Amino acid sequence: MAFDIDRSLRRLKPGKRTVRLSYRRPSTLPFVDAGTPPARNLLLDTTVYIHAGEGRLAPPTQAFIAASQAHHCIVCLGELALALGYLDPQHRGTPAASSYLADVLRRAPAHRIVAPDDDACIDANIATGILSRTQDFAAADRRRLLSDALIVATALKNGLVVLTANVADFDLLSQIQPATRVLYYVPA
């Protein structure tokens, strides 16, 4: 097999996870500020690209990203590509948004793009299943969470730190997989 299901089951322990998780207080989570040192191993979540395109990255977050070595997850790039197909061609903002998204996809350097491997896919699906059951997520929430779980599993596999504004999903996922390293930011 290309993945180790027994390792995933030992690590994630789906049979032992029966209680609803609580969100942690934001004050206990690591947020980017003016003193955050650059990261050589940063993985940008989709929120980063969206907020950058909207001009909603605060100066400390912009400086942190500019000084860091950013990596790109194919899951996030795929979410941006989905938006290219989903945007309403009749909406007046679509040409500019489409141009921005296509430019992001063109500029992502191939040597800094990471993708989930077989183990990461299995881990992400187990984590999504655990949280879907314990948090009682609806089907639409499960699909969204799976993308985030793939990002987390890919970051773990590649030793990367995720940068995101999505506190809710990544807080829960990092509780399921405590080795996850996540930095949060507040959009401007």
Protein backbone atom coordinates (compact mmCIF):
# COMPACT_ATOMS: atom_id res chain seq x y z
CA MET A 1 0.00 0.00 0.00
CA ALA A 2 1.02 3.61 -0.57
CA PHE A 3 -0.26 4.64 2.86
CA ASP A 4 -0.10 3.26 6.38
CA ILE A 5 -3.66 3.06 7.73
CA ASP A 6 -2.52 1.54 11.02
CA ARG A 7 -0.19 4.49 11.67
CA SER A 8 -3.02 6.91 10.90
CA LEU A 9 -5.42 5.10 13.21
CA ARG A 10 -2.85 4.97 16.03
CA ARG A 11 -2.07 8.65 15.68
CA LEU A 12 -5.57 10.04 15.17
CA LYS A 13 -7.47 7.56 17.38
CA PRO A 14 -10.95 8.03 15.85
CA GLY A 15 -12.50 5.44 18.20
CA LYS A 16 -11.40 7.38 21.27
CA ARG A 17 -12.61 10.77 20.11
CA THR A 18 -16.16 11.05 21.30
CA VAL A 19 -16.53 14.51 22.81
CA ARG A 20 -17.19 17.81 21.12
CA LEU A 21 -14.10 20.03 21.02
CA SER A 22 -14.19 23.58 22.32
CA TYR A 23 -12.60 26.44 20.47
CA ARG A 24 -9.61 27.86 22.31
CA ARG A 25 -9.51 31.50 23.32
CA PRO A 26 -7.81 33.62 20.66
CA SER A 27 -5.42 34.94 23.33
CA THR A 28 -3.96 31.41 23.61
CA LEU A 29 -3.29 31.09 19.86
CA PRO A 30 -0.23 32.44 18.02
CA PHE A 31 -1.04 35.49 15.89
CA VAL A 32 1.33 37.35 13.58
CA ASP A 33 2.42 40.73 14.89
CA ALA A 34 5.23 43.18 14.20
CA GLY A 35 7.66 41.05 16.25
CA THR A 36 6.99 37.70 14.53
CA PRO A 37 10.27 36.46 13.02
CA PRO A 38 10.28 35.32 9.36
CA ALA A 39 9.57 31.65 8.63
CA ARG A 40 11.62 29.56 6.19
CA ASN A 41 8.84 27.02 6.05
CA LEU A 42 5.59 28.96 5.61
CA LEU A 43 2.53 27.49 3.89
CA LEU A 44 -0.06 30.05 2.80
CA ASP A 45 -3.71 29.17 3.30
CA THR A 46 -6.28 30.30 0.73
CA THR A 47 -7.34 33.14 3.06
CA VAL A 48 -3.94 34.78 2.54
CA TYR A 49 -4.36 34.99 -1.23
CA ILE A 50 -7.93 36.24 -0.92
CA HIS A 51 -7.11 38.91 1.65
CA ALA A 52 -4.04 39.99 -0.33
CA GLY A 53 -6.20 40.42 -3.43
CA GLU A 54 -8.70 42.47 -1.45
CA GLY A 55 -5.96 44.63 0.09
CA ARG A 56 -6.85 43.29 3.55
CA LEU A 57 -3.47 42.09 4.81
CA ALA A 58 -2.34 44.26 7.72
CA PRO A 59 1.19 45.71 7.42
CA PRO A 60 2.70 43.29 10.01
CA THR A 61 1.24 40.32 8.10
CA GLN A 62 2.50 41.71 4.78
CA ALA A 63 5.99 42.21 6.23
CA PHE A 64 6.00 38.72 7.75
CA ILE A 65 5.06 37.08 4.44
CA ALA A 66 7.56 39.20 2.48
CA ALA A 67 10.39 38.18 4.83
CA SER A 68 9.40 34.49 4.92
CA GLN A 69 9.98 31.67 2.48
CA ALA A 70 6.44 30.94 1.31
CA HIS A 71 5.26 27.60 0.00
CA HIS A 72 1.99 26.97 -1.82
CA CYS A 73 -0.34 24.02 -1.33
CA ILE A 74 -1.99 22.63 -4.45
CA VAL A 75 -5.22 22.40 -2.45
CA CYS A 76 -5.21 26.20 -1.95
CA LEU A 77 -4.23 26.82 -5.55
CA GLY A 78 -7.08 24.52 -6.57
CA GLU A 79 -9.52 26.56 -4.48
CA LEU A 80 -8.35 29.67 -6.33
CA ALA A 81 -8.79 27.89 -9.67
CA LEU A 82 -12.31 26.88 -8.61
CA ALA A 83 -13.09 30.56 -8.07
CA LEU A 84 -11.95 31.30 -11.64
CA GLY A 85 -14.70 29.02 -12.90
CA TYR A 86 -17.28 30.04 -10.32
CA LEU A 87 -17.09 33.84 -10.59
CA ASP A 88 -20.09 35.36 -12.37
CA PRO A 89 -18.91 36.59 -15.80
CA GLN A 90 -21.63 39.27 -15.69
CA HIS A 91 -20.42 40.80 -12.42
CA ARG A 92 -18.42 44.00 -12.88
CA GLY A 93 -15.71 42.86 -10.42
CA THR A 94 -15.07 39.54 -12.13
CA PRO A 95 -12.45 40.65 -14.69
CA ALA A 96 -10.18 42.15 -12.01
CA ALA A 97 -10.68 39.23 -9.62
CA SER A 98 -10.08 36.70 -12.40
CA SER A 99 -6.93 38.51 -13.48
CA TYR A 100 -5.61 38.52 -9.91
CA LEU A 101 -6.38 34.82 -9.36
CA ALA A 102 -4.82 33.76 -12.66
CA ASP A 103 -1.72 35.83 -11.83
CA VAL A 104 -1.36 34.13 -8.44
CA LEU A 105 -1.58 30.74 -10.13
CA ARG A 106 0.95 31.75 -12.81
CA ARG A 107 3.46 33.09 -10.27
CA ALA A 108 3.50 30.14 -7.85
CA PRO A 109 7.01 28.69 -8.30
CA ALA A 110 6.88 24.98 -9.10
CA HIS A 111 9.66 24.16 -6.61
CA ARG A 112 7.57 25.67 -3.77
CA ILE A 113 4.30 23.88 -4.51
CA VAL A 114 3.45 21.00 -2.17
CA ALA A 115 0.69 18.45 -2.55
CA PRO A 116 -0.92 15.96 -0.19
CA ASP A 117 0.47 12.46 -0.59
CA ASP A 118 -1.44 9.25 0.09
CA ASP A 119 -0.81 9.32 3.86
CA ALA A 120 -1.86 12.98 4.06
CA CYS A 121 -5.10 12.20 2.19
CA ILE A 122 -5.94 9.36 4.56
CA ASP A 123 -5.10 11.45 7.65
CA ALA A 124 -7.13 14.41 6.35
CA ASN A 125 -10.18 12.28 5.70
CA ILE A 126 -10.00 10.62 9.13
CA ALA A 127 -9.60 14.03 10.84
CA THR A 128 -12.53 15.40 8.82
CA GLY A 129 -14.65 12.42 9.81
CA ILE A 130 -13.78 12.82 13.48
CA LEU A 131 -14.66 16.50 13.50
CA SER A 132 -17.78 16.00 11.38
CA ARG A 133 -19.06 13.51 13.94
CA THR A 134 -17.98 15.23 17.14
CA GLN A 135 -18.87 18.76 16.02
CA ASP A 136 -22.01 17.68 14.13
CA PHE A 137 -21.00 19.45 10.91
CA ALA A 138 -23.39 19.68 7.97
CA ALA A 139 -22.39 18.24 4.58
CA ALA A 140 -21.26 21.62 3.19
CA ASP A 141 -19.08 22.19 6.27
CA ARG A 142 -17.54 18.72 5.87
CA ARG A 143 -16.43 19.49 2.31
CA ARG A 144 -14.87 22.80 3.36
CA LEU A 145 -13.20 21.17 6.35
CA LEU A 146 -11.72 18.42 4.18
CA SER A 147 -9.82 21.02 2.15
CA ASP A 148 -8.46 22.54 5.35
CA ALA A 149 -7.59 19.09 6.70
CA LEU A 150 -5.65 18.36 3.50
CA ILE A 151 -3.73 21.60 3.98
CA VAL A 152 -2.92 20.66 7.60
CA ALA A 153 -1.85 17.12 6.68
CA THR A 154 0.31 18.43 3.84
CA ALA A 155 1.94 21.00 6.14
CA LEU A 156 2.64 18.31 8.74
CA LYS A 157 4.14 15.97 6.15
CA ASN A 158 6.41 18.71 4.80
CA GLY A 159 7.39 20.41 8.08
CA LEU A 160 5.58 23.63 7.19
CA VAL A 161 3.81 26.26 9.31
CA VAL A 162 0.35 27.22 8.04
CA LEU A 163 -0.55 30.91 7.90
CA THR A 164 -4.32 31.49 7.97
CA ALA A 165 -7.09 33.79 9.13
CA ASN A 166 -9.41 30.78 9.48
CA VAL A 167 -9.18 30.38 13.24
CA ALA A 168 -12.24 28.15 13.64
CA ASP A 169 -11.31 25.27 11.32
CA PHE A 170 -7.57 25.31 11.94
CA ASP A 171 -8.00 25.49 15.73
CA LEU A 172 -10.10 22.31 15.67
CA LEU A 173 -7.79 20.55 13.21
CA SER A 174 -4.72 21.39 15.26
CA GLN A 175 -6.43 19.94 18.34
CA ILE A 176 -6.95 16.68 16.44
CA GLN A 177 -3.35 16.77 15.16
CA PRO A 178 -1.36 18.57 17.89
CA ALA A 179 1.91 18.51 15.93
CA THR A 180 0.32 21.00 13.51
CA ARG A 181 2.00 24.40 13.54
CA VAL A 182 -0.35 27.25 12.68
CA LEU A 183 0.09 31.00 12.76
CA TYR A 184 -3.01 33.15 12.56
CA TYR A 185 -3.52 36.70 11.35
CA VAL A 186 -6.35 39.17 11.56
CA PRO A 187 -7.44 40.63 8.19
CA ALA A 188 -7.26 44.41 7.95
